[in-house]
């Protein structure tokens, strides 16, 4: 059976939502960040980066959230979470998933972990301020793409793995001065993703109470 190593609200949330969407049997294994279990020898044997999540699928051990989402979509094609192989829409799905993880997510990590790039208090504050400003520009890019597509989802008419991934990252801006929910099209889009039953089940299972975004 598939098993997802997760922590509530972390980068495991997108794969968790995808698991609910595909409807395959799976289990959850909590990795207690508060006790630094993601840095334990047992966990590092699964993911030497010490990051969450990790997916077990039979003999396969897989880390990196975007890779896990693609694997789940590829191995459960009936769920329709990726456009047809070789199509232009599939290429755009790859593009947006790469953009989300390599551009938006990496900038968010600079905001939440500025000490990785700076040592003193003033420099840390500058890293955070520049990262938040950059995230604002990236959210504007999502807003513009939703306007250009003029469909309910990031790829247009079809819901895909990029949508729960975008929701996960946009949720991380909820404490920003200008969070994703405040952009007109992006805010409405996030509510559409949240309203999906699969997403609601994942939110409930992770105990993410209160305002989600």
N, C-alpha and C. Protein backbone atom coordinates (compact mmCIF):
# COMPACT_ATOMS: atom_id res chain seq x y z
N UNK A 1 0.85 -1.20 0.00
CA UNK A 1 0.00 0.00 0.00
C UNK A 1 0.88 1.25 0.00
N UNK A 2 0.39 2.29 -0.59
CA UNK A 2 1.10 3.58 -0.59
C UNK A 2 1.11 4.16 0.82
N UNK A 3 2.24 4.75 1.20
CA UNK A 3 2.35 5.41 2.50
C UNK A 3 3.04 6.75 2.32
N UNK A 4 2.46 7.79 2.90
CA UNK A 4 3.02 9.14 2.82
C UNK A 4 3.52 9.56 4.19
N UNK A 5 4.80 9.89 4.28
CA UNK A 5 5.36 10.48 5.48
C UNK A 5 5.08 11.98 5.42
N UNK A 6 4.40 12.50 6.42
CA UNK A 6 3.88 13.86 6.33
C UNK A 6 4.00 14.59 7.65
N UNK A 7 3.80 15.90 7.58
CA UNK A 7 3.59 16.73 8.76
C UNK A 7 2.53 17.75 8.36
N UNK A 8 1.54 18.04 9.23
CA UNK A 8 0.42 18.91 8.84
C UNK A 8 0.86 20.25 8.27
N UNK A 9 0.33 20.58 7.10
CA UNK A 9 0.56 21.88 6.49
C UNK A 9 1.89 22.04 5.80
N UNK A 10 2.77 21.04 5.88
CA UNK A 10 4.09 21.13 5.25
C UNK A 10 4.00 20.80 3.76
N UNK A 11 5.15 20.60 3.13
CA UNK A 11 5.19 20.32 1.70
C UNK A 11 4.58 18.97 1.35
N UNK A 12 4.22 18.20 2.35
CA UNK A 12 3.49 16.95 2.14
C UNK A 12 2.02 17.17 1.83
N UNK A 13 1.53 18.38 2.02
CA UNK A 13 0.09 18.62 1.86
C UNK A 13 -0.36 18.42 0.41
N UNK A 14 0.42 18.89 -0.56
CA UNK A 14 0.02 18.71 -1.96
C UNK A 14 -0.07 17.23 -2.33
N UNK A 15 0.96 16.41 -2.05
CA UNK A 15 0.81 14.97 -2.32
C UNK A 15 -0.37 14.34 -1.57
N UNK A 16 -0.63 14.81 -0.35
CA UNK A 16 -1.77 14.29 0.40
C UNK A 16 -3.08 14.58 -0.33
N UNK A 17 -3.24 15.80 -0.81
CA UNK A 17 -4.44 16.15 -1.56
C UNK A 17 -4.55 15.33 -2.85
N UNK A 18 -3.42 15.11 -3.50
CA UNK A 18 -3.42 14.30 -4.72
C UNK A 18 -3.82 12.86 -4.40
N UNK A 19 -3.31 12.32 -3.30
CA UNK A 19 -3.70 10.96 -2.89
C UNK A 19 -5.21 10.86 -2.70
N UNK A 20 -5.79 11.84 -2.06
CA UNK A 20 -7.24 11.83 -1.88
C UNK A 20 -7.96 11.94 -3.22
N UNK A 21 -7.40 12.70 -4.13
CA UNK A 21 -8.04 12.90 -5.44
C UNK A 21 -8.04 11.62 -6.26
N UNK A 22 -6.94 10.85 -6.22
CA UNK A 22 -6.86 9.65 -7.05
C UNK A 22 -7.67 8.50 -6.46
N UNK A 23 -7.91 8.54 -5.15
CA UNK A 23 -8.78 7.54 -4.54
C UNK A 23 -8.14 6.19 -4.28
N UNK A 24 -6.82 6.09 -4.37
CA UNK A 24 -6.14 4.82 -4.10
C UNK A 24 -5.97 4.64 -2.59
N UNK A 25 -5.97 3.38 -2.11
CA UNK A 25 -5.72 3.16 -0.68
C UNK A 25 -4.32 3.65 -0.30
N UNK A 26 -4.23 4.29 0.84
CA UNK A 26 -2.93 4.78 1.30
C UNK A 26 -2.97 4.96 2.81
N UNK A 27 -1.79 5.07 3.38
CA UNK A 27 -1.66 5.36 4.80
C UNK A 27 -0.82 6.60 5.01
N UNK A 28 -0.99 7.20 6.17
CA UNK A 28 -0.20 8.38 6.56
C UNK A 28 0.70 8.01 7.72
N UNK A 29 1.93 8.50 7.67
CA UNK A 29 2.85 8.32 8.79
C UNK A 29 3.37 9.69 9.20
N UNK A 30 3.02 10.10 10.41
CA UNK A 30 3.42 11.42 10.90
C UNK A 30 4.92 11.45 11.18
N UNK A 31 5.58 12.47 10.65
CA UNK A 31 6.98 12.75 10.96
C UNK A 31 6.97 13.96 11.90
N UNK A 32 7.26 13.72 13.16
CA UNK A 32 7.10 14.76 14.18
C UNK A 32 8.25 15.77 14.09
N UNK A 33 8.00 16.87 13.42
CA UNK A 33 9.02 17.93 13.30
C UNK A 33 9.37 18.52 14.66
N UNK A 34 8.41 18.59 15.56
CA UNK A 34 8.67 19.17 16.87
C UNK A 34 9.73 18.38 17.63
N UNK A 35 9.85 17.11 17.33
CA UNK A 35 10.87 16.25 17.97
C UNK A 35 12.04 15.98 17.03
N UNK A 36 12.09 16.75 15.92
CA UNK A 36 13.19 16.64 14.95
C UNK A 36 13.30 15.24 14.35
N UNK A 37 12.17 14.57 14.20
CA UNK A 37 12.21 13.21 13.66
C UNK A 37 12.58 13.19 12.18
N UNK A 38 12.43 14.32 11.48
CA UNK A 38 12.86 14.37 10.08
C UNK A 38 14.38 14.43 9.95
N UNK A 39 15.07 14.58 11.08
CA UNK A 39 16.53 14.56 11.09
C UNK A 39 17.07 13.28 11.73
N UNK A 40 16.19 12.36 12.04
CA UNK A 40 16.63 11.12 12.67
C UNK A 40 17.34 10.22 11.66
N UNK A 41 18.22 9.33 12.10
CA UNK A 41 18.90 8.42 11.18
C UNK A 41 17.94 7.60 10.33
N UNK A 42 16.83 7.16 10.94
CA UNK A 42 15.87 6.34 10.19
C UNK A 42 15.24 7.13 9.05
N UNK A 43 14.90 8.39 9.32
CA UNK A 43 14.28 9.20 8.27
C UNK A 43 15.31 9.62 7.23
N UNK A 44 16.51 9.95 7.67
CA UNK A 44 17.56 10.35 6.72
C UNK A 44 17.93 9.21 5.78
N UNK A 45 17.69 7.98 6.20
CA UNK A 45 17.92 6.85 5.31
C UNK A 45 16.92 6.85 4.16
N UNK A 46 15.76 7.47 4.37
CA UNK A 46 14.74 7.59 3.32
C UNK A 46 14.96 8.84 2.48
N UNK A 47 15.27 9.95 3.13
CA UNK A 47 15.51 11.22 2.45
C UNK A 47 16.74 11.88 3.08
N UNK A 48 17.88 11.78 2.45
CA UNK A 48 19.11 12.32 3.04
C UNK A 48 19.07 13.84 3.22
N UNK A 49 18.11 14.51 2.61
CA UNK A 49 17.96 15.96 2.80
C UNK A 49 17.26 16.30 4.11
N UNK A 50 16.64 15.30 4.74
CA UNK A 50 15.94 15.54 5.99
C UNK A 50 14.72 16.42 5.82
N UNK A 51 14.05 16.29 4.68
CA UNK A 51 12.88 17.11 4.39
C UNK A 51 11.64 16.22 4.23
N UNK A 52 10.50 16.81 4.49
CA UNK A 52 9.20 16.14 4.35
C UNK A 52 8.56 16.63 3.06
N UNK A 53 8.00 15.70 2.25
CA UNK A 53 7.57 14.33 2.53
C UNK A 53 8.50 13.27 1.93
N UNK A 54 8.14 12.03 2.25
CA UNK A 54 8.64 10.84 1.56
C UNK A 54 7.43 9.97 1.24
N UNK A 55 7.46 9.36 0.08
CA UNK A 55 6.39 8.44 -0.32
C UNK A 55 6.98 7.04 -0.47
N UNK A 56 6.28 6.06 0.11
CA UNK A 56 6.54 4.65 -0.16
C UNK A 56 5.44 4.16 -1.10
N UNK A 57 5.83 3.55 -2.20
CA UNK A 57 4.88 2.93 -3.11
C UNK A 57 5.48 1.58 -3.52
N UNK A 58 5.13 0.55 -2.77
CA UNK A 58 5.77 -0.74 -2.98
C UNK A 58 7.24 -0.63 -2.60
N UNK A 59 8.11 -1.00 -3.52
CA UNK A 59 9.55 -0.90 -3.28
C UNK A 59 10.12 0.49 -3.56
N UNK A 60 9.28 1.35 -4.11
CA UNK A 60 9.74 2.69 -4.45
C UNK A 60 9.73 3.60 -3.23
N UNK A 61 10.85 4.28 -3.00
CA UNK A 61 10.94 5.32 -1.99
C UNK A 61 11.23 6.62 -2.73
N UNK A 62 10.35 7.59 -2.58
CA UNK A 62 10.43 8.80 -3.39
C UNK A 62 10.30 10.03 -2.52
N UNK A 63 11.19 11.00 -2.73
CA UNK A 63 11.04 12.30 -2.07
C UNK A 63 10.99 13.39 -3.13
N UNK A 64 10.76 14.61 -2.69
CA UNK A 64 10.45 15.80 -3.51
C UNK A 64 8.96 15.82 -3.85
N UNK A 65 8.27 16.81 -3.31
CA UNK A 65 6.81 16.88 -3.43
C UNK A 65 6.33 16.87 -4.88
N UNK A 66 7.00 17.63 -5.74
CA UNK A 66 6.57 17.70 -7.13
C UNK A 66 6.72 16.34 -7.81
N UNK A 67 7.83 15.65 -7.54
CA UNK A 67 8.04 14.32 -8.12
C UNK A 67 6.98 13.34 -7.63
N UNK A 68 6.63 13.44 -6.36
CA UNK A 68 5.59 12.55 -5.82
C UNK A 68 4.25 12.81 -6.50
N UNK A 69 3.90 14.08 -6.67
CA UNK A 69 2.64 14.42 -7.34
C UNK A 69 2.61 13.88 -8.77
N UNK A 70 3.71 14.04 -9.50
CA UNK A 70 3.77 13.53 -10.87
C UNK A 70 3.67 12.01 -10.90
N UNK A 71 4.36 11.35 -9.98
CA UNK A 71 4.31 9.89 -9.93
C UNK A 71 2.89 9.41 -9.67
N UNK A 72 2.20 10.02 -8.72
CA UNK A 72 0.84 9.60 -8.40
C UNK A 72 -0.11 9.83 -9.59
N UNK A 73 0.06 10.95 -10.27
CA UNK A 73 -0.78 11.23 -11.44
C UNK A 73 -0.48 10.25 -12.56
N UNK A 74 0.80 9.92 -12.77
CA UNK A 74 1.18 9.00 -13.84
C UNK A 74 0.69 7.58 -13.57
N UNK A 75 0.73 7.16 -12.32
CA UNK A 75 0.36 5.78 -11.99
C UNK A 75 -1.14 5.60 -11.76
N UNK A 76 -1.87 6.70 -11.79
CA UNK A 76 -3.33 6.64 -11.65
C UNK A 76 -3.96 7.53 -12.73
N UNK A 77 -3.78 7.17 -13.99
CA UNK A 77 -4.24 8.04 -15.08
C UNK A 77 -5.74 8.25 -15.11
N UNK A 78 -6.50 7.31 -14.54
CA UNK A 78 -7.96 7.45 -14.56
C UNK A 78 -8.42 8.69 -13.78
N UNK A 79 -7.58 9.17 -12.86
CA UNK A 79 -7.94 10.37 -12.09
C UNK A 79 -7.88 11.63 -12.95
N UNK A 80 -7.18 11.55 -14.09
CA UNK A 80 -7.13 12.69 -15.01
C UNK A 80 -6.42 13.91 -14.46
N UNK A 81 -5.38 13.71 -13.68
CA UNK A 81 -4.69 14.85 -13.05
C UNK A 81 -3.54 15.39 -13.87
N UNK A 82 -3.30 14.80 -15.05
CA UNK A 82 -2.35 15.35 -16.01
C UNK A 82 -2.95 15.25 -17.40
N UNK A 83 -2.73 16.24 -18.25
CA UNK A 83 -3.19 16.17 -19.64
C UNK A 83 -2.47 15.03 -20.38
N UNK A 84 -2.93 14.69 -21.59
CA UNK A 84 -2.32 13.58 -22.34
C UNK A 84 -0.83 13.78 -22.58
N UNK A 85 -0.08 12.68 -22.50
CA UNK A 85 1.35 12.72 -22.72
C UNK A 85 1.65 13.24 -24.13
N UNK A 86 2.60 14.15 -24.22
CA UNK A 86 2.99 14.71 -25.51
C UNK A 86 2.18 15.90 -25.95
N UNK A 87 1.12 16.26 -25.21
CA UNK A 87 0.28 17.39 -25.59
C UNK A 87 0.88 18.70 -25.09
N UNK A 88 0.44 19.80 -25.71
CA UNK A 88 0.88 21.12 -25.25
C UNK A 88 0.42 21.38 -23.82
N UNK A 89 -0.76 20.88 -23.50
CA UNK A 89 -1.27 21.07 -22.14
C UNK A 89 -0.40 20.35 -21.13
N UNK A 90 0.11 19.17 -21.50
CA UNK A 90 1.01 18.43 -20.61
C UNK A 90 2.30 19.23 -20.40
N UNK A 91 2.82 19.82 -21.47
CA UNK A 91 4.02 20.63 -21.35
C UNK A 91 3.79 21.80 -20.40
N UNK A 92 2.63 22.43 -20.48
CA UNK A 92 2.33 23.54 -19.57
C UNK A 92 2.19 23.05 -18.14
N UNK A 93 1.67 21.84 -17.94
CA UNK A 93 1.59 21.27 -16.59
C UNK A 93 2.99 21.11 -16.01
N UNK A 94 3.92 20.58 -16.81
CA UNK A 94 5.30 20.45 -16.36
C UNK A 94 5.88 21.83 -16.01
N UNK A 95 5.62 22.80 -16.90
CA UNK A 95 6.16 24.15 -16.69
C UNK A 95 5.68 24.73 -15.37
N UNK A 96 4.37 24.65 -15.13
CA UNK A 96 3.84 25.28 -13.93
C UNK A 96 4.25 24.55 -12.67
N UNK A 97 4.35 23.23 -12.72
CA UNK A 97 4.79 22.51 -11.53
C UNK A 97 6.25 22.84 -11.24
N UNK A 98 7.08 22.93 -12.29
CA UNK A 98 8.48 23.32 -12.09
C UNK A 98 8.56 24.75 -11.56
N UNK A 99 7.74 25.64 -12.08
CA UNK A 99 7.73 27.04 -11.61
C UNK A 99 7.30 27.12 -10.15
N UNK A 100 6.28 26.37 -9.81
CA UNK A 100 5.79 26.41 -8.44
C UNK A 100 6.86 25.96 -7.45
N UNK A 101 7.52 24.86 -7.76
CA UNK A 101 8.50 24.33 -6.80
C UNK A 101 9.84 25.06 -6.86
N UNK A 102 10.29 25.43 -8.07
CA UNK A 102 11.62 26.03 -8.22
C UNK A 102 11.64 27.53 -8.01
N UNK A 103 10.51 28.20 -8.24
CA UNK A 103 10.48 29.66 -8.18
C UNK A 103 9.68 30.14 -6.97
N UNK A 104 8.40 29.82 -6.91
CA UNK A 104 7.58 30.30 -5.80
C UNK A 104 7.98 29.63 -4.49
N UNK A 105 8.09 28.30 -4.48
CA UNK A 105 8.40 27.61 -3.24
C UNK A 105 9.78 27.99 -2.71
N UNK A 106 10.76 28.09 -3.60
CA UNK A 106 12.11 28.44 -3.15
C UNK A 106 12.14 29.85 -2.56
N UNK A 107 11.34 30.76 -3.10
CA UNK A 107 11.28 32.12 -2.55
C UNK A 107 10.59 32.13 -1.19
N UNK A 108 9.55 31.33 -1.06
CA UNK A 108 8.88 31.20 0.23
C UNK A 108 9.83 30.63 1.29
N UNK A 109 10.66 29.69 0.89
CA UNK A 109 11.61 29.12 1.84
C UNK A 109 12.63 30.16 2.29
N UNK A 110 13.00 31.07 1.40
CA UNK A 110 13.90 32.15 1.80
C UNK A 110 13.24 33.03 2.86
N UNK A 111 11.93 33.23 2.75
CA UNK A 111 11.20 34.02 3.73
C UNK A 111 11.14 33.30 5.07
N UNK A 112 10.80 32.01 5.06
CA UNK A 112 10.59 31.28 6.30
C UNK A 112 11.90 30.82 6.96
N UNK A 113 12.96 30.69 6.17
CA UNK A 113 14.24 30.24 6.71
C UNK A 113 15.36 31.20 6.29
N UNK A 114 15.26 32.47 6.62
CA UNK A 114 16.26 33.44 6.15
C UNK A 114 17.64 33.18 6.73
N UNK A 115 17.71 32.49 7.86
CA UNK A 115 19.01 32.21 8.48
C UNK A 115 19.88 31.29 7.62
N UNK A 116 19.29 30.67 6.61
CA UNK A 116 20.08 29.86 5.69
C UNK A 116 20.91 30.75 4.75
N UNK A 117 20.52 32.01 4.63
CA UNK A 117 21.20 32.92 3.70
C UNK A 117 21.86 34.11 4.40
N UNK A 118 21.61 34.29 5.68
CA UNK A 118 22.15 35.44 6.40
C UNK A 118 22.43 35.04 7.85
N UNK A 119 23.33 35.81 8.48
CA UNK A 119 23.76 35.45 9.83
C UNK A 119 23.27 36.44 10.89
N UNK A 120 23.38 37.75 10.61
CA UNK A 120 23.02 38.73 11.64
C UNK A 120 21.57 39.18 11.47
N UNK A 121 21.03 39.80 12.50
CA UNK A 121 19.62 40.15 12.55
C UNK A 121 19.20 41.08 11.42
N UNK A 122 20.02 42.07 11.12
CA UNK A 122 19.67 43.02 10.06
C UNK A 122 19.62 42.33 8.70
N UNK A 123 20.59 41.47 8.43
CA UNK A 123 20.61 40.76 7.15
C UNK A 123 19.42 39.81 7.04
N UNK A 124 19.09 39.14 8.14
CA UNK A 124 17.94 38.24 8.14
C UNK A 124 16.66 39.01 7.82
N UNK A 125 16.51 40.17 8.43
CA UNK A 125 15.32 40.99 8.16
C UNK A 125 15.27 41.41 6.70
N UNK A 126 16.41 41.72 6.12
CA UNK A 126 16.45 42.11 4.70
C UNK A 126 16.06 40.93 3.80
N UNK A 127 16.57 39.75 4.12
CA UNK A 127 16.22 38.57 3.33
C UNK A 127 14.71 38.35 3.36
N UNK A 128 14.12 38.43 4.56
CA UNK A 128 12.68 38.23 4.69
C UNK A 128 11.90 39.27 3.90
N UNK A 129 12.31 40.53 4.00
CA UNK A 129 11.59 41.60 3.32
C UNK A 129 11.69 41.44 1.80
N UNK A 130 12.87 41.12 1.30
CA UNK A 130 13.03 40.95 -0.15
C UNK A 130 12.27 39.71 -0.63
N UNK A 131 12.27 38.65 0.16
CA UNK A 131 11.54 37.43 -0.23
C UNK A 131 10.04 37.70 -0.28
N UNK A 132 9.50 38.41 0.71
CA UNK A 132 8.07 38.69 0.70
C UNK A 132 7.69 39.57 -0.50
N UNK A 133 8.54 40.54 -0.82
CA UNK A 133 8.27 41.37 -1.99
C UNK A 133 8.31 40.55 -3.27
N UNK A 134 9.27 39.67 -3.37
CA UNK A 134 9.38 38.81 -4.56
C UNK A 134 8.18 37.88 -4.66
N UNK A 135 7.73 37.32 -3.54
CA UNK A 135 6.54 36.46 -3.56
C UNK A 135 5.35 37.26 -4.09
N UNK A 136 5.23 38.52 -3.70
CA UNK A 136 4.12 39.34 -4.20
C UNK A 136 4.14 39.44 -5.72
N UNK A 137 5.31 39.59 -6.31
CA UNK A 137 5.43 39.64 -7.76
C UNK A 137 5.02 38.31 -8.38
N UNK A 138 5.38 37.21 -7.74
CA UNK A 138 5.04 35.89 -8.26
C UNK A 138 3.54 35.61 -8.14
N UNK A 139 2.93 36.10 -7.08
CA UNK A 139 1.47 35.96 -6.97
C UNK A 139 0.77 36.76 -8.06
N UNK A 140 1.31 37.92 -8.40
CA UNK A 140 0.77 38.69 -9.52
C UNK A 140 0.85 37.90 -10.82
N UNK A 141 1.91 37.12 -10.98
CA UNK A 141 2.05 36.29 -12.18
C UNK A 141 0.96 35.22 -12.23
N UNK A 142 0.65 34.61 -11.10
CA UNK A 142 -0.45 33.65 -11.05
C UNK A 142 -1.78 34.33 -11.36
N UNK A 143 -1.98 35.51 -10.80
CA UNK A 143 -3.21 36.26 -11.06
C UNK A 143 -3.36 36.54 -12.55
N UNK A 144 -2.27 36.94 -13.19
CA UNK A 144 -2.31 37.23 -14.62
C UNK A 144 -2.57 35.98 -15.45
N UNK A 145 -2.00 34.86 -15.03
CA UNK A 145 -2.22 33.61 -15.77
C UNK A 145 -3.67 33.17 -15.67
N UNK A 146 -4.26 33.31 -14.49
CA UNK A 146 -5.68 32.95 -14.34
C UNK A 146 -6.56 33.84 -15.20
N UNK A 147 -6.21 35.11 -15.32
CA UNK A 147 -6.97 36.02 -16.18
C UNK A 147 -6.79 35.63 -17.65
N UNK A 148 -5.60 35.26 -18.04
CA UNK A 148 -5.33 34.90 -19.43
C UNK A 148 -6.02 33.60 -19.81
N UNK A 149 -6.00 32.64 -18.90
CA UNK A 149 -6.61 31.33 -19.18
C UNK A 149 -8.13 31.43 -19.20
N UNK A 150 -8.66 32.25 -18.31
CA UNK A 150 -10.11 32.43 -18.22
C UNK A 150 -10.83 31.10 -18.04
N UNK A 151 -10.26 30.23 -17.22
CA UNK A 151 -10.90 28.96 -16.87
C UNK A 151 -10.86 28.80 -15.36
N UNK A 152 -11.51 27.77 -14.84
CA UNK A 152 -11.57 27.63 -13.39
C UNK A 152 -10.25 27.20 -12.75
N UNK A 153 -9.33 26.59 -13.54
CA UNK A 153 -8.11 26.03 -12.99
C UNK A 153 -6.88 26.64 -13.66
N UNK A 154 -5.72 26.35 -13.10
CA UNK A 154 -4.50 26.97 -13.59
C UNK A 154 -4.20 26.60 -15.04
N UNK A 155 -4.56 25.38 -15.46
CA UNK A 155 -4.36 24.97 -16.85
C UNK A 155 -5.56 25.27 -17.73
N UNK A 156 -6.60 25.86 -17.15
CA UNK A 156 -7.79 26.16 -17.93
C UNK A 156 -9.00 25.40 -17.42
N UNK A 157 -9.52 24.51 -18.26
CA UNK A 157 -10.75 23.80 -17.91
C UNK A 157 -10.53 22.55 -17.08
N UNK A 158 -9.31 21.99 -17.09
CA UNK A 158 -9.06 20.71 -16.44
C UNK A 158 -8.28 20.90 -15.14
N UNK A 159 -8.81 20.33 -14.07
CA UNK A 159 -8.11 20.30 -12.79
C UNK A 159 -6.90 19.37 -12.92
N UNK A 160 -5.76 19.75 -12.34
CA UNK A 160 -4.53 18.96 -12.49
C UNK A 160 -3.70 19.06 -11.22
N UNK A 161 -2.58 18.32 -11.19
CA UNK A 161 -1.74 18.29 -10.00
C UNK A 161 -1.21 19.68 -9.64
N UNK A 162 -1.13 20.57 -10.61
CA UNK A 162 -0.62 21.92 -10.31
C UNK A 162 -1.56 22.69 -9.39
N UNK A 163 -2.83 22.35 -9.37
CA UNK A 163 -3.79 23.11 -8.57
C UNK A 163 -3.64 22.88 -7.07
N UNK A 164 -3.61 21.64 -6.58
CA UNK A 164 -3.34 21.48 -5.14
C UNK A 164 -1.96 21.98 -4.75
N UNK A 165 -0.99 21.89 -5.66
CA UNK A 165 0.34 22.39 -5.34
C UNK A 165 0.31 23.91 -5.18
N UNK A 166 -0.40 24.59 -6.07
CA UNK A 166 -0.53 26.04 -5.95
C UNK A 166 -1.25 26.42 -4.66
N UNK A 167 -2.28 25.67 -4.31
CA UNK A 167 -3.01 25.94 -3.07
C UNK A 167 -2.08 25.83 -1.87
N UNK A 168 -1.30 24.76 -1.83
CA UNK A 168 -0.39 24.56 -0.70
C UNK A 168 0.53 25.76 -0.53
N UNK A 169 1.15 26.22 -1.62
CA UNK A 169 2.10 27.32 -1.52
C UNK A 169 1.40 28.64 -1.21
N UNK A 170 0.25 28.87 -1.83
CA UNK A 170 -0.48 30.11 -1.55
C UNK A 170 -0.92 30.16 -0.09
N UNK A 171 -1.22 29.01 0.48
CA UNK A 171 -1.59 28.96 1.90
C UNK A 171 -0.47 29.49 2.78
N UNK A 172 0.76 29.23 2.37
CA UNK A 172 1.89 29.68 3.17
C UNK A 172 2.01 31.19 3.22
N UNK A 173 1.30 31.93 2.37
CA UNK A 173 1.34 33.40 2.40
C UNK A 173 0.28 34.00 3.30
N UNK A 174 -0.47 33.17 4.02
CA UNK A 174 -1.63 33.68 4.74
C UNK A 174 -1.27 34.70 5.82
N UNK A 175 -0.01 34.70 6.29
CA UNK A 175 0.41 35.69 7.27
C UNK A 175 1.13 36.89 6.67
N UNK A 176 1.20 36.96 5.35
CA UNK A 176 1.88 38.06 4.68
C UNK A 176 1.02 39.33 4.72
N UNK A 177 1.66 40.45 4.49
CA UNK A 177 0.91 41.70 4.40
C UNK A 177 -0.05 41.71 3.23
N UNK A 178 0.30 41.01 2.16
CA UNK A 178 -0.55 40.89 0.98
C UNK A 178 -0.62 39.40 0.61
N UNK A 179 -1.48 38.64 1.28
CA UNK A 179 -1.56 37.21 1.03
C UNK A 179 -2.25 36.90 -0.30
N UNK A 180 -2.07 35.68 -0.75
CA UNK A 180 -2.64 35.25 -2.03
C UNK A 180 -4.15 35.43 -2.06
N UNK A 181 -4.80 35.23 -0.94
CA UNK A 181 -6.26 35.31 -0.91
C UNK A 181 -6.78 36.70 -1.26
N UNK A 182 -5.92 37.73 -1.15
CA UNK A 182 -6.37 39.10 -1.39
C UNK A 182 -6.40 39.47 -2.87
N UNK A 183 -5.79 38.65 -3.72
CA UNK A 183 -5.86 38.91 -5.15
C UNK A 183 -7.18 38.38 -5.69
N UNK A 184 -7.86 39.15 -6.52
CA UNK A 184 -9.25 38.84 -6.87
C UNK A 184 -9.41 37.47 -7.53
N UNK A 185 -8.72 37.26 -8.63
CA UNK A 185 -8.87 35.98 -9.33
C UNK A 185 -8.21 34.85 -8.57
N UNK A 186 -7.05 35.11 -8.01
CA UNK A 186 -6.32 34.07 -7.29
C UNK A 186 -7.08 33.65 -6.04
N UNK A 187 -7.65 34.61 -5.34
CA UNK A 187 -8.43 34.28 -4.15
C UNK A 187 -9.63 33.41 -4.48
N UNK A 188 -10.34 33.74 -5.55
CA UNK A 188 -11.50 32.93 -5.96
C UNK A 188 -11.07 31.54 -6.41
N UNK A 189 -9.94 31.49 -7.12
CA UNK A 189 -9.39 30.20 -7.56
C UNK A 189 -9.07 29.31 -6.37
N UNK A 190 -8.42 29.87 -5.35
CA UNK A 190 -8.07 29.09 -4.17
C UNK A 190 -9.31 28.53 -3.49
N UNK A 191 -10.36 29.31 -3.45
CA UNK A 191 -11.60 28.81 -2.84
C UNK A 191 -12.19 27.66 -3.65
N UNK A 192 -12.04 27.70 -4.97
CA UNK A 192 -12.52 26.58 -5.79
C UNK A 192 -11.73 25.31 -5.49
N UNK A 193 -10.43 25.45 -5.33
CA UNK A 193 -9.62 24.28 -5.01
C UNK A 193 -9.99 23.75 -3.63
N UNK A 194 -10.10 24.63 -2.66
CA UNK A 194 -10.45 24.23 -1.30
C UNK A 194 -11.79 23.50 -1.25
N UNK A 195 -12.72 23.90 -2.11
CA UNK A 195 -14.07 23.31 -2.09
C UNK A 195 -14.11 21.88 -2.60
N UNK A 196 -13.07 21.40 -3.25
CA UNK A 196 -13.08 20.03 -3.76
C UNK A 196 -13.13 19.04 -2.59
N UNK A 197 -13.99 18.02 -2.67
CA UNK A 197 -14.09 17.06 -1.56
C UNK A 197 -12.76 16.42 -1.17
N UNK A 198 -11.93 16.10 -2.16
CA UNK A 198 -10.63 15.49 -1.85
C UNK A 198 -9.77 16.42 -1.01
N UNK A 199 -9.79 17.69 -1.35
CA UNK A 199 -9.02 18.68 -0.60
C UNK A 199 -9.58 18.82 0.81
N UNK A 200 -10.89 18.85 0.94
CA UNK A 200 -11.51 18.95 2.24
C UNK A 200 -11.13 17.76 3.13
N UNK A 201 -11.08 16.56 2.54
CA UNK A 201 -10.70 15.38 3.33
C UNK A 201 -9.27 15.48 3.83
N UNK A 202 -8.37 15.93 2.97
CA UNK A 202 -6.97 16.08 3.38
C UNK A 202 -6.83 17.12 4.49
N UNK A 203 -7.54 18.24 4.35
CA UNK A 203 -7.50 19.28 5.38
C UNK A 203 -7.98 18.73 6.72
N UNK A 204 -9.07 17.98 6.68
CA UNK A 204 -9.62 17.42 7.92
C UNK A 204 -8.67 16.41 8.53
N UNK A 205 -8.09 15.54 7.71
CA UNK A 205 -7.18 14.52 8.23
C UNK A 205 -5.94 15.13 8.86
N UNK A 206 -5.49 16.27 8.34
CA UNK A 206 -4.30 16.92 8.91
C UNK A 206 -4.63 17.84 10.08
N UNK A 207 -5.93 18.00 10.37
CA UNK A 207 -6.32 18.82 11.50
C UNK A 207 -6.02 20.29 11.33
N UNK A 208 -6.10 20.76 10.08
CA UNK A 208 -5.78 22.16 9.78
C UNK A 208 -7.02 23.02 10.01
N UNK A 209 -7.23 23.41 11.22
CA UNK A 209 -8.43 24.15 11.60
C UNK A 209 -8.21 25.65 11.37
N UNK A 210 -9.31 26.38 11.46
CA UNK A 210 -9.25 27.83 11.27
C UNK A 210 -9.22 28.20 9.81
N UNK A 211 -8.95 29.47 9.54
CA UNK A 211 -8.91 29.95 8.16
C UNK A 211 -7.79 29.25 7.42
N UNK A 212 -8.11 28.59 6.32
CA UNK A 212 -7.11 27.77 5.62
C UNK A 212 -6.13 28.63 4.84
N UNK A 213 -6.64 29.64 4.14
CA UNK A 213 -5.77 30.56 3.44
C UNK A 213 -5.98 31.96 4.01
